[in-house]
PDB file of N, CA and C in Angstrom:
ATOM      1  N   MET A   1      80.564 104.539 103.677  1.00  0.00           N
ATOM      2  CA  MET A   1      81.839 104.247 104.291  1.00  0.00           C
ATOM      3  C   MET A   1      82.467 105.571 104.735  1.00  0.00           C
ATOM      4  N   PRO A   2      83.038 105.601 105.954  1.00  0.00           N
ATOM      5  CA  PRO A   2      83.635 106.842 106.450  1.00  0.00           C
ATOM      6  C   PRO A   2      84.838 107.276 105.619  1.00  0.00           C
ATOM      7  N   SER A   3      85.132 108.560 105.673  1.00  0.00           N
ATOM      8  CA  SER A   3      86.278 109.112 104.958  1.00  0.00           C
ATOM      9  C   SER A   3      87.580 108.496 105.478  1.00  0.00           C
ATOM     10  N   GLY A   4      88.486 108.171 104.567  1.00  0.00           N
ATOM     11  CA  GLY A   4      89.780 107.624 104.958  1.00  0.00           C
ATOM     12  C   GLY A   4      89.711 106.233 105.538  1.00  0.00           C
ATOM     13  N   PHE A   5      88.661 105.479 105.187  1.00  0.00           N
ATOM     14  CA  PHE A   5      88.486 104.124 105.717  1.00  0.00           C
ATOM     15  C   PHE A   5      89.627 103.214 105.257  1.00  0.00           C
ATOM     16  N   LEU A   6      90.214 102.488 106.187  1.00  0.00           N
ATOM     17  CA  LEU A   6      91.259 101.500 105.897  1.00  0.00           C
ATOM     18  C   LEU A   6      90.901 100.183 106.565  1.00  0.00           C
ATOM     19  N   SER A   7      91.308  99.102 105.946  1.00  0.00           N
ATOM     20  CA  SER A   7      91.087  97.804 106.568  1.00  0.00           C
ATOM     21  C   SER A   7      92.316  96.934 106.364  1.00  0.00           C
ATOM     22  N   GLY A   8      92.428  95.942 107.170  1.00  0.00           N
ATOM     23  CA  GLY A   8      93.538  95.007 107.085  1.00  0.00           C
ATOM     24  C   GLY A   8      93.261  93.821 107.983  1.00  0.00           C
ATOM     25  N   SER A   9      94.245  92.983 108.157  1.00  0.00           N
ATOM     26  CA  SER A   9      94.116  91.803 109.002  1.00  0.00           C
ATOM     27  C   SER A   9      95.450  91.499 109.667  1.00  0.00           C
ATOM     28  N   VAL A  10      95.371  90.904 110.837  1.00  0.00           N
ATOM     29  CA  VAL A  10      96.540  90.396 111.536  1.00  0.00           C
ATOM     30  C   VAL A  10      96.395  88.882 111.582  1.00  0.00           C
ATOM     31  N   TYR A  11      97.441  88.198 111.151  1.00  0.00           N
ATOM     32  CA  TYR A  11      97.461  86.737 111.159  1.00  0.00           C
ATOM     33  C   TYR A  11      98.686  86.272 111.922  1.00  0.00           C
ATOM     34  N   LEU A  12      98.717  85.005 112.224  1.00  0.00           N
ATOM     35  CA  LEU A  12      99.922  84.380 112.757  1.00  0.00           C
ATOM     36  C   LEU A  12     100.322  83.242 111.834  1.00  0.00           C
ATOM     37  N   TYR A  13     101.598  83.205 111.490  1.00  0.00           N
ATOM     38  CA  TYR A  13     102.175  82.066 110.796  1.00  0.00           C
ATOM     39  C   TYR A  13     102.685  81.106 111.853  1.00  0.00           C
ATOM     40  N   ALA A  14     102.432  79.833 111.684  1.00  0.00           N
ATOM     41  CA  ALA A  14     103.093  78.803 112.476  1.00  0.00           C
ATOM     42  C   ALA A  14     104.225  78.277 111.613  1.00  0.00           C
ATOM     43  N   GLU A  15     105.451  78.367 112.137  1.00  0.00           N
ATOM     44  CA  GLU A  15     106.643  77.952 111.393  1.00  0.00           C
ATOM     45  C   GLU A  15     107.344  76.814 112.111  1.00  0.00           C
ATOM     46  N   SER A  16     108.033  75.977 111.343  1.00  0.00           N
ATOM     47  CA  SER A  16     108.857  74.934 111.944  1.00  0.00           C
ATOM     48  C   SER A  16     110.069  75.603 112.612  1.00  0.00           C
ATOM     49  N   VAL A  17     110.666  74.901 113.562  1.00  0.00           N
ATOM     50  CA  VAL A  17     111.823  75.393 114.285  1.00  0.00           C
ATOM     51  C   VAL A  17     113.064  74.699 113.724  1.00  0.00           C
ATOM     52  N   GLY A  18     114.164  75.400 113.665  1.00  0.00           N
ATOM     53  CA  GLY A  18     115.403  74.802 113.180  1.00  0.00           C
ATOM     54  C   GLY A  18     115.960  75.582 112.016  1.00  0.00           C
ATOM     55  N   GLU A  19     117.012  75.031 111.426  1.00  0.00           N
ATOM     56  CA  GLU A  19     117.689  75.733 110.342  1.00  0.00           C
ATOM     57  C   GLU A  19     116.863  75.781 109.061  1.00  0.00           C
ATOM     58  N   GLN A  20     116.083  74.775 108.798  1.00  0.00           N
ATOM     59  CA  GLN A  20     115.244  74.726 107.592  1.00  0.00           C
ATOM     60  C   GLN A  20     113.815  75.172 107.937  1.00  0.00           C
ATOM     61  N   ARG A  21     113.665  76.416 108.371  1.00  0.00           N
ATOM     62  CA  ARG A  21     112.340  76.912 108.755  1.00  0.00           C
ATOM     63  C   ARG A  21     111.416  76.930 107.557  1.00  0.00           C
ATOM     64  N   ARG A  22     110.162  76.540 107.800  1.00  0.00           N
ATOM     65  CA  ARG A  22     109.155  76.614 106.746  1.00  0.00           C
ATOM     66  C   ARG A  22     107.811  76.949 107.380  1.00  0.00           C
ATOM     67  N   VAL A  23     106.970  77.606 106.605  1.00  0.00           N
ATOM     68  CA  VAL A  23     105.637  77.950 107.086  1.00  0.00           C
ATOM     69  C   VAL A  23     104.789  76.691 107.076  1.00  0.00           C
ATOM     70  N   LEU A  24     104.203  76.373 108.235  1.00  0.00           N
ATOM     71  CA  LEU A  24     103.358  75.198 108.366  1.00  0.00           C
ATOM     72  C   LEU A  24     101.889  75.543 108.184  1.00  0.00           C
ATOM     73  N   SER A  25     101.517  76.732 108.650  1.00  0.00           N
ATOM     74  CA  SER A  25     100.104  77.106 108.605  1.00  0.00           C
ATOM     75  C   SER A  25      99.953  78.612 108.769  1.00  0.00           C
ATOM     76  N   LEU A  26      98.945  79.152 108.146  1.00  0.00           N
ATOM     77  CA  LEU A  26      98.508  80.519 108.387  1.00  0.00           C
ATOM     78  C   LEU A  26      97.266  80.389 109.264  1.00  0.00           C
ATOM     79  N   LEU A  27      97.397  80.792 110.522  1.00  0.00           N
ATOM     80  CA  LEU A  27      96.285  80.651 111.461  1.00  0.00           C
ATOM     81  C   LEU A  27      95.220  81.700 111.192  1.00  0.00           C
ATOM     82  N   ASP A  28      94.008  81.414 111.619  1.00  0.00           N
ATOM     83  CA  ASP A  28      92.889  82.325 111.373  1.00  0.00           C
ATOM     84  C   ASP A  28      93.237  83.744 111.803  1.00  0.00           C
ATOM     85  N   GLY A  29      92.842  84.708 110.982  1.00  0.00           N
ATOM     86  CA  GLY A  29      93.189  86.102 111.210  1.00  0.00           C
ATOM     87  C   GLY A  29      92.145  86.881 111.985  1.00  0.00           C
ATOM     88  N   HIS A  30      92.501  88.125 112.282  1.00  0.00           N
ATOM     89  CA  HIS A  30      91.609  89.051 112.977  1.00  0.00           C
ATOM     90  C   HIS A  30      91.550  90.343 112.161  1.00  0.00           C
ATOM     91  N   PRO A  31      90.343  90.764 111.748  1.00  0.00           N
ATOM     92  CA  PRO A  31      90.239  91.973 110.918  1.00  0.00           C
ATOM     93  C   PRO A  31      90.525  93.242 111.714  1.00  0.00           C
ATOM     94  N   LEU A  32      91.071  94.236 111.022  1.00  0.00           N
ATOM     95  CA  LEU A  32      91.339  95.554 111.595  1.00  0.00           C
ATOM     96  C   LEU A  32      90.650  96.604 110.728  1.00  0.00           C
ATOM     97  N   TYR A  33      90.068  97.628 111.357  1.00  0.00           N
ATOM     98  CA  TYR A  33      89.381  98.688 110.631  1.00  0.00           C
ATOM     99  C   TYR A  33      89.729 100.030 111.254  1.00  0.00           C
ATOM    100  N   GLY A  34      89.748 101.068 110.446  1.00  0.00           N
ATOM    101  CA  GLY A  34      89.979 102.407 110.962  1.00  0.00           C
ATOM    102  C   GLY A  34      89.547 103.452 109.961  1.00  0.00           C
ATOM    103  N   SER A  35      89.377 104.676 110.442  1.00  0.00           N
ATOM    104  CA  SER A  35      88.960 105.794 109.598  1.00  0.00           C
ATOM    105  C   SER A  35      89.423 107.094 110.243  1.00  0.00           C
ATOM    106  N   HIS A  36      89.684 108.095 109.403  1.00  0.00           N
ATOM    107  CA  HIS A  36      90.029 109.419 109.918  1.00  0.00           C
ATOM    108  C   HIS A  36      88.875 110.000 110.733  1.00  0.00           C
ATOM    109  N   GLU A  37      87.656 109.547 110.474  1.00  0.00           N
ATOM    110  CA  GLU A  37      86.477 110.074 111.177  1.00  0.00           C
ATOM    111  C   GLU A  37      86.224 109.387 112.519  1.00  0.00           C
ATOM    112  N   VAL A  38      86.965 108.320 112.822  1.00  0.00           N
ATOM    113  CA  VAL A  38      86.778 107.596 114.083  1.00  0.00           C
ATOM    114  C   VAL A  38      88.012 107.814 114.953  1.00  0.00           C
ATOM    115  N   PRO A  39      87.872 108.586 116.022  1.00  0.00           N
ATOM    116  CA  PRO A  39      89.028 108.892 116.871  1.00  0.00           C
ATOM    117  C   PRO A  39      89.736 107.628 117.364  1.00  0.00           C
ATOM    118  N   ARG A  40      91.070 107.681 117.390  1.00  0.00           N
ATOM    119  CA  ARG A  40      91.932 106.618 117.907  1.00  0.00           C
ATOM    120  C   ARG A  40      91.811 105.291 117.155  1.00  0.00           C
ATOM    121  N   SER A  41      91.287 105.323 115.924  1.00  0.00           N
ATOM    122  CA  SER A  41      91.181 104.078 115.164  1.00  0.00           C
ATOM    123  C   SER A  41      92.320 103.910 114.161  1.00  0.00           C
ATOM    124  N   LEU A  42      93.127 104.959 113.947  1.00  0.00           N
ATOM    125  CA  LEU A  42      94.285 104.898 113.059  1.00  0.00           C
ATOM    126  C   LEU A  42      95.506 105.430 113.787  1.00  0.00           C
ATOM    127  N   LEU A  43      96.670 104.903 113.433  1.00  0.00           N
ATOM    128  CA  LEU A  43      97.920 105.375 114.011  1.00  0.00           C
ATOM    129  C   LEU A  43      98.927 105.523 112.879  1.00  0.00           C
ATOM    130  N   LEU A  44      99.461 106.725 112.717  1.00  0.00           N
ATOM    131  CA  LEU A  44     100.468 106.993 111.691  1.00  0.00           C
ATOM    132  C   LEU A  44     101.846 106.830 112.326  1.00  0.00           C
ATOM    133  N   LEU A  45     102.648 105.934 111.761  1.00  0.00           N
ATOM    134  CA  LEU A  45     103.972 105.666 112.302  1.00  0.00           C
ATOM    135  C   LEU A  45     105.040 106.293 111.417  1.00  0.00           C
ATOM    136  N   ALA A  46     105.992 106.954 112.036  1.00  0.00           N
ATOM    137  CA  ALA A  46     107.139 107.482 111.310  1.00  0.00           C
ATOM    138  C   ALA A  46     108.069 106.315 110.967  1.00  0.00           C
ATOM    139  N   PRO A  47     108.882 106.452 109.937  1.00  0.00           N
ATOM    140  CA  PRO A  47     109.815 105.374 109.582  1.00  0.00           C
ATOM    141  C   PRO A  47     110.674 104.962 110.773  1.00  0.00           C
ATOM    142  N   GLY A  48     110.817 103.664 110.958  1.00  0.00           N
ATOM    143  CA  GLY A  48     111.615 103.125 112.059  1.00  0.00           C
ATOM    144  C   GLY A  48     110.859 102.966 113.364  1.00  0.00           C
ATOM    145  N   ARG A  49     109.629 103.463 113.434  1.00  0.00           N
ATOM    146  CA  ARG A  49     108.824 103.343 114.656  1.00  0.00           C
ATOM    147  C   ARG A  49     108.027 102.039 114.612  1.00  0.00           C
ATOM    148  N   THR A  50     107.577 101.577 115.759  1.00  0.00           N
ATOM    149  CA  THR A  50     106.819 100.330 115.840  1.00  0.00           C
ATOM    150  C   THR A  50     105.516 100.558 116.597  1.00  0.00           C
ATOM    151  N   ALA A  51     104.631  99.604 116.452  1.00  0.00           N
ATOM    152  CA  ALA A  51     103.368  99.623 117.188  1.00  0.00           C
ATOM    153  C   ALA A  51     103.071  98.215 117.667  1.00  0.00           C
ATOM    154  N   ARG A  52     102.410  98.115 118.794  1.00  0.00           N
ATOM    155  CA  ARG A  52     101.979  96.821 119.316  1.00  0.00           C
ATOM    156  C   ARG A  52     100.484  96.692 119.052  1.00  0.00           C
ATOM    157  N   ILE A  53     100.110  95.617 118.400  1.00  0.00           N
ATOM    158  CA  ILE A  53      98.703  95.338 118.110  1.00  0.00           C
ATOM    159  C   ILE A  53      98.288  94.150 118.957  1.00  0.00           C
ATOM    160  N   ARG A  54      97.315  94.342 119.801  1.00  0.00           N
ATOM    161  CA  ARG A  54      96.814  93.257 120.655  1.00  0.00           C
ATOM    162  C   ARG A  54      95.365  92.990 120.279  1.00  0.00           C
ATOM    163  N   VAL A  55      95.091  91.747 119.937  1.00  0.00           N
ATOM    164  CA  VAL A  55      93.729  91.379 119.563  1.00  0.00           C
ATOM    165  C   VAL A  55      93.339  90.099 120.304  1.00  0.00           C
ATOM    166  N   PRO A  56      92.093  90.030 120.752  1.00  0.00           N
ATOM    167  CA  PRO A  56      91.641  88.788 121.389  1.00  0.00           C
ATOM    168  C   PRO A  56      91.429  87.735 120.303  1.00  0.00           C
ATOM    169  N   SER A  57      91.864  86.528 120.583  1.00  0.00           N
ATOM    170  CA  SER A  57      91.720  85.503 119.559  1.00  0.00           C
ATOM    171  C   SER A  57      91.910  84.125 120.163  1.00  0.00           C
ATOM    172  N   GLN A  58      91.265  83.156 119.544  1.00  0.00           N
ATOM    173  CA  GLN A  58      91.541  81.763 119.828  1.00  0.00           C
ATOM    174  C   GLN A  58      92.263  81.234 118.605  1.00  0.00           C
ATOM    175  N   LEU A  59      93.483  80.761 118.771  1.00  0.00           N
ATOM    176  CA  LEU A  59      94.268  80.312 117.632  1.00  0.00           C
ATOM    177  C   LEU A  59      93.679  79.030 117.057  1.00  0.00           C
ATOM    178  N   SER A  60      93.583  78.993 115.743  1.00  0.00           N
ATOM    179  CA  SER A  60      92.998  77.843 115.093  1.00  0.00           C
ATOM    180  C   SER A  60      93.609  77.660 113.712  1.00  0.00           C
ATOM    181  N   ALA A  61      93.996  76.430 113.417  1.00  0.00           N
ATOM    182  CA  ALA A  61      94.414  76.049 112.065  1.00  0.00           C
ATOM    183  C   ALA A  61      93.241  75.279 111.484  1.00  0.00           C
ATOM    184  N   THR A  62      92.508  75.890 110.588  1.00  0.00           N
ATOM    185  CA  THR A  62      91.244  75.315 110.142  1.00  0.00           C
ATOM    186  C   THR A  62      91.394  74.228 109.091  1.00  0.00           C
ATOM    187  N   MET A  63      92.523  74.196 108.385  1.00  0.00           N
ATOM    188  CA  MET A  63      92.692  73.181 107.351  1.00  0.00           C
ATOM    189  C   MET A  63      93.364  71.951 107.954  1.00  0.00           C
ATOM    190  N   ASP A  64      92.803  70.766 107.710  1.00  0.00           N
ATOM    191  CA  ASP A  64      93.315  69.538 108.310  1.00  0.00           C
ATOM    192  C   ASP A  64      94.792  69.322 108.031  1.00  0.00           C
ATOM    193  N   GLU A  65      95.227  69.565 106.772  1.00  0.00           N
ATOM    194  CA  GLU A  65      96.632  69.276 106.438  1.00  0.00           C
ATOM    195  C   GLU A  65      97.598  70.203 107.171  1.00  0.00           C
ATOM    196  N   THR A  66      97.209  71.458 107.400  1.00  0.00           N
ATOM    197  CA  THR A  66      98.109  72.355 108.124  1.00  0.00           C
ATOM    198  C   THR A  66      98.094  72.031 109.616  1.00  0.00           C
ATOM    199  N   ARG A  67      96.949  71.631 110.134  1.00  0.00           N
ATOM    200  CA  ARG A  67      96.867  71.220 111.533  1.00  0.00           C
ATOM    201  C   ARG A  67      97.776  70.017 111.763  1.00  0.00           C
ATOM    202  N   GLU A  68      97.742  69.059 110.853  1.00  0.00           N
ATOM    203  CA  GLU A  68      98.596  67.877 110.962  1.00  0.00           C
ATOM    204  C   GLU A  68     100.070  68.246 110.877  1.00  0.00           C
ATOM    205  N   ALA A  69     100.426  69.185 109.992  1.00  0.00           N
ATOM    206  CA  ALA A  69     101.823  69.616 109.862  1.00  0.00           C
ATOM    207  C   ALA A  69     102.330  70.205 111.171  1.00  0.00           C
ATOM    208  N   ILE A  70     101.481  70.945 111.870  1.00  0.00           N
ATOM    209  CA  ILE A  70     101.863  71.516 113.160  1.00  0.00           C
ATOM    210  C   ILE A  70     102.032  70.411 114.194  1.00  0.00           C
ATOM    211  N   LEU A  71     101.085  69.490 114.254  1.00  0.00           N
ATOM    212  CA  LEU A  71     101.125  68.439 115.270  1.00  0.00           C
ATOM    213  C   LEU A  71     102.259  67.443 115.046  1.00  0.00           C
ATOM    214  N   GLN A  72     102.795  67.374 113.842  1.00  0.00           N
ATOM    215  CA  GLN A  72     103.884  66.440 113.543  1.00  0.00           C
ATOM    216  C   GLN A  72     105.264  67.010 113.874  1.00  0.00           C
ATOM    217  N   GLN A  73     105.338  68.229 114.344  1.00  0.00           N
ATOM    218  CA  GLN A  73     106.627  68.824 114.688  1.00  0.00           C
ATOM    219  C   GLN A  73     107.179  68.167 115.954  1.00  0.00           C
ATOM    220  N   PRO A  74     108.509  67.991 116.024  1.00  0.00           N
ATOM    221  CA  PRO A  74     109.106  67.363 117.208  1.00  0.00           C
ATOM    222  C   PRO A  74     108.677  68.059 118.497  1.00  0.00           C
ATOM    223  N   ASP A  75     108.147  67.286 119.410  1.00  0.00           N
ATOM    224  CA  ASP A  75     107.658  67.778 120.714  1.00  0.00           C
ATOM    225  C   ASP A  75     106.572  68.839 120.579  1.00  0.00           C
ATOM    226  N   GLY A  76     105.988  68.980 119.391  1.00  0.00           N
ATOM    227  CA  GLY A  76     104.923  69.968 119.182  1.00  0.00           C
ATOM    228  C   GLY A  76     105.405  71.401 119.199  1.00  0.00           C
ATOM    229  N   VAL A  77     106.718  71.628 119.064  1.00  0.00           N
ATOM    230  CA  VAL A  77     107.275  72.971 119.158  1.00  0.00           C
ATOM    231  C   VAL A  77     107.266  73.643 117.786  1.00  0.00           C
ATOM    232  N   VAL A  78     106.655  74.822 117.730  1.00  0.00           N
ATOM    233  CA  VAL A  78     106.626  75.647 116.522  1.00  0.00           C
ATOM    234  C   VAL A  78     106.916  77.086 116.933  1.00  0.00           C
ATOM    235  N   GLN A  79     107.150  77.941 115.961  1.00  0.00           N
ATOM    236  CA  GLN A  79     107.307  79.377 116.219  1.00  0.00           C
ATOM    237  C   GLN A  79     106.132  80.103 115.603  1.00  0.00           C
ATOM    238  N   LEU A  80     105.643  81.123 116.278  1.00  0.00           N
ATOM    239  CA  LEU A  80     104.576  81.958 115.740  1.00  0.00           C
ATOM    240  C   LEU A  80     105.168  83.296 115.327  1.00  0.00           C
ATOM    241  N   ARG A  81     104.769  83.778 114.149  1.00  0.00           N
ATOM    242  CA  ARG A  81     105.223  85.063 113.615  1.00  0.00           C
ATOM    243  C   ARG A  81     103.992  85.855 113.182  1.00  0.00           C
ATOM    244  N   ALA A  82     103.936  87.114 113.580  1.00  0.00           N
ATOM    245  CA  ALA A  82     102.811  87.972 113.203  1.00  0.00           C
ATOM    246  C   ALA A  82     102.948  88.417 111.752  1.00  0.00           C
ATOM    247  N   VAL A  83     101.809  88.518 111.094  1.00  0.00           N
ATOM    248  CA  VAL A  83     101.732  88.977 109.705  1.00  0.00           C
ATOM    249  C   VAL A  83     100.656  90.053 109.656  1.00  0.00           C
ATOM    250  N   LEU A  84     100.985  91.211 109.093  1.00  0.00           N
ATOM    251  CA  LEU A  84     100.027  92.304 108.961  1.00  0.00           C
ATOM    252  C   LEU A  84      99.759  92.539 107.489  1.00  0.00           C
ATOM    253  N   SER A  85      98.507  92.514 107.122  1.00  0.00           N
ATOM    254  CA  SER A  85      98.100  92.776 105.744  1.00  0.00           C
ATOM    255  C   SER A  85      97.238  94.037 105.750  1.00  0.00           C
ATOM    256  N   ILE A  86      97.652  95.057 104.987  1.00  0.00           N
ATOM    257  CA  ILE A  86      96.895  96.307 104.904  1.00  0.00           C
ATOM    258  C   ILE A  86      96.313  96.422 103.509  1.00  0.00           C
ATOM    259  N   ARG A  87      95.024  96.653 103.416  1.00  0.00           N
ATOM    260  CA  ARG A  87      94.363  96.739 102.117  1.00  0.00           C
ATOM    261  C   ARG A  87      94.287  98.194 101.643  1.00  0.00           C
ATOM    262  N   ILE A  88      95.416  98.708 101.183  1.00  0.00           N
ATOM    263  CA  ILE A  88      95.461 100.048 100.613  1.00  0.00           C
ATOM    264  C   ILE A  88      96.597 100.069  99.598  1.00  0.00           C
ATOM    265  N   ASN A  89      96.319 100.528  98.417  1.00  0.00           N
ATOM    266  CA  ASN A  89      97.325 100.599  97.359  1.00  0.00           C
ATOM    267  C   ASN A  89      98.089  99.293  97.168  1.00  0.00           C
ATOM    268  N   ASN A  90      97.419  98.176  97.402  1.00  0.00           N
ATOM    269  CA  ASN A  90      98.016  96.843  97.230  1.00  0.00           C
ATOM    270  C   ASN A  90      99.335  96.669  97.970  1.00  0.00           C
ATOM    271  N   LEU A  91      99.411  97.171  99.202  1.00  0.00           N
ATOM    272  CA  LEU A  91     100.625  96.990  99.999  1.00  0.00           C
ATOM    273  C   LEU A  91     100.827  95.508 100.283  1.00  0.00           C
ATOM    274  N   PRO A  92     102.075  95.054 100.258  1.00  0.00           N
ATOM    275  CA  PRO A  92     102.338  93.640 100.532  1.00  0.00           C
ATOM    276  C   PRO A  92     102.188  93.327 102.014  1.00  0.00           C
ATOM    277  N   LEU A  93     102.233  92.056 102.315  1.00  0.00           N
ATOM    278  CA  LEU A  93     102.205  91.636 103.705  1.00  0.00           C
ATOM    279  C   LEU A  93     103.443  92.147 104.420  1.00  0.00           C
ATOM    280  N   VAL A  94     103.284  92.476 105.674  1.00  0.00           N
ATOM    281  CA  VAL A  94     104.406  92.881 106.515  1.00  0.00           C
ATOM    282  C   VAL A  94     104.622  91.761 107.522  1.00  0.00           C
ATOM    283  N   LEU A  95     105.814  91.155 107.498  1.00  0.00           N
ATOM    284  CA  LEU A  95     106.133  90.078 108.428  1.00  0.00           C
ATOM    285  C   LEU A  95     106.884  90.635 109.624  1.00  0.00           C
ATOM    286  N   SER A  96     106.488  90.212 110.804  1.00  0.00           N
ATOM    287  CA  SER A  96     107.202  90.603 112.008  1.00  0.00           C
ATOM    288  C   SER A  96     108.580  89.944 112.012  1.00  0.00           C
ATOM    289  N   THR A  97     109.562  90.648 112.552  1.00  0.00           N
ATOM    290  CA  THR A  97     110.886  90.047 112.708  1.00  0.00           C
ATOM    291  C   THR A  97     110.960  89.268 114.017  1.00  0.00           C
ATOM    292  N   ASN A  98     109.966  89.406 114.869  1.00  0.00           N
ATOM    293  CA  ASN A  98     109.936  88.702 116.145  1.00  0.00           C
ATOM    294  C   ASN A  98     109.138  87.410 116.012  1.00  0.00           C
ATOM    295  N   THR A  99     109.611  86.376 116.694  1.00  0.00           N
ATOM    296  CA  THR A  99     108.850  85.131 116.768  1.00  0.00           C
ATOM    297  C   THR A  99     108.759  84.725 118.227  1.00  0.00           C
ATOM    298  N   ILE A 100     107.804  83.867 118.516  1.00  0.00           N
ATOM    299  CA  ILE A 100     107.672  83.329 119.864  1.00  0.00           C
ATOM    300  C   ILE A 100     107.523  81.816 119.738  1.00  0.00           C
ATOM    301  N   PRO A 101     108.357  81.062 120.464  1.00  0.00           N
ATOM    302  CA  PRO A 101     108.214  79.607 120.411  1.00  0.00           C
ATOM    303  C   PRO A 101     107.038  79.163 121.282  1.00  0.00           C
ATOM    304  N   VAL A 102     106.274  78.203 120.797  1.00  0.00           N
ATOM    305  CA  VAL A 102     105.155  77.646 121.560  1.00  0.00           C
ATOM    306  C   VAL A 102     105.172  76.134 121.395  1.00  0.00           C
ATOM    307  N   ARG A 103     104.542  75.450 122.330  1.00  0.00           N
ATOM    308  CA  ARG A 103     104.386  73.996 122.236  1.00  0.00           C
ATOM    309  C   ARG A 103     102.915  73.708 122.045  1.00  0.00           C
ATOM    310  N   VAL A 104     102.601  73.012 120.968  1.00  0.00           N
ATOM    311  CA  VAL A 104     101.223  72.681 120.636  1.00  0.00           C
ATOM    312  C   VAL A 104     100.917  71.284 121.168  1.00  0.00           C
ATOM    313  N   ILE A 105      99.823  71.166 121.909  1.00  0.00           N
ATOM    314  CA  ILE A 105      99.419  69.889 122.485  1.00  0.00           C
ATOM    315  C   ILE A 105      98.050  69.520 121.914  1.00  0.00           C
ATOM    316  N   PRO A 106      97.907  68.330 121.315  1.00  0.00           N
ATOM    317  CA  PRO A 106      96.602  67.918 120.798  1.00  0.00           C
ATOM    318  C   PRO A 106      95.559  67.882 121.913  1.00  0.00           C
ATOM    319  N   ARG A 107      94.335  68.206 121.591  1.00  0.00           N
ATOM    320  CA  ARG A 107      93.271  68.288 122.603  1.00  0.00           C
ATOM    321  C   ARG A 107      93.127  67.031 123.461  1.00  0.00           C
ATOM    322  N   PRO A 108      93.171  65.811 122.895  1.00  0.00           N
ATOM    323  CA  PRO A 108      93.003  64.630 123.768  1.00  0.00           C
ATOM    324  C   PRO A 108      94.088  64.496 124.820  1.00  0.00           C
ATOM    325  N   LEU A 109      95.262  65.146 124.625  1.00  0.00           N
ATOM    326  CA  LEU A 109      96.357  65.036 125.576  1.00  0.00           C
ATOM    327  C   LEU A 109      96.364  66.161 126.609  1.00  0.00           C
ATOM    328  N   ARG A 110      95.542  67.161 126.442  1.00  0.00           N
ATOM    329  CA  ARG A 110      95.516  68.278 127.379  1.00  0.00           C
ATOM    330  C   ARG A 110      94.908  67.855 128.704  1.00  0.00           C
ATOM    331  N   ARG A 111      95.465  68.425 129.758  1.00  0.00           N
ATOM    332  CA  ARG A 111      94.872  68.210 131.096  1.00  0.00           C
ATOM    333  C   ARG A 111      93.868  69.313 131.335  1.00  0.00           C
ATOM    334  N   GLU A 112      92.680  68.955 131.648  1.00  0.00           N
ATOM    335  CA  GLU A 112      91.629  69.966 131.877  1.00  0.00           C
ATOM    336  C   GLU A 112      91.698  70.451 133.306  1.00  0.00           C
TER     337      GLU A 112
END
């Protein structure tokens, strides 16, 4: 393993919309890797600074009960929130303060 190797994951929470927000599902994640020996694979942020992480992904709720919870939301509207998990010194999950509203449409109802 390279020196200074770090790993983590980026996930999306699907949350209900409204005053009583609740987590409906943790969507499949995308692994992140970096090392001091691999140029541009790590970014050190000063306090108060932010970074944008863009990863290719197909969103999927793999557990039937969480998929159903999402599809049962009024008009299929949920909010997505990014979650960053870093595996170093047992750091806790970092939740994004930003959310994006989306409308989920079951596959049989989609227009191809």
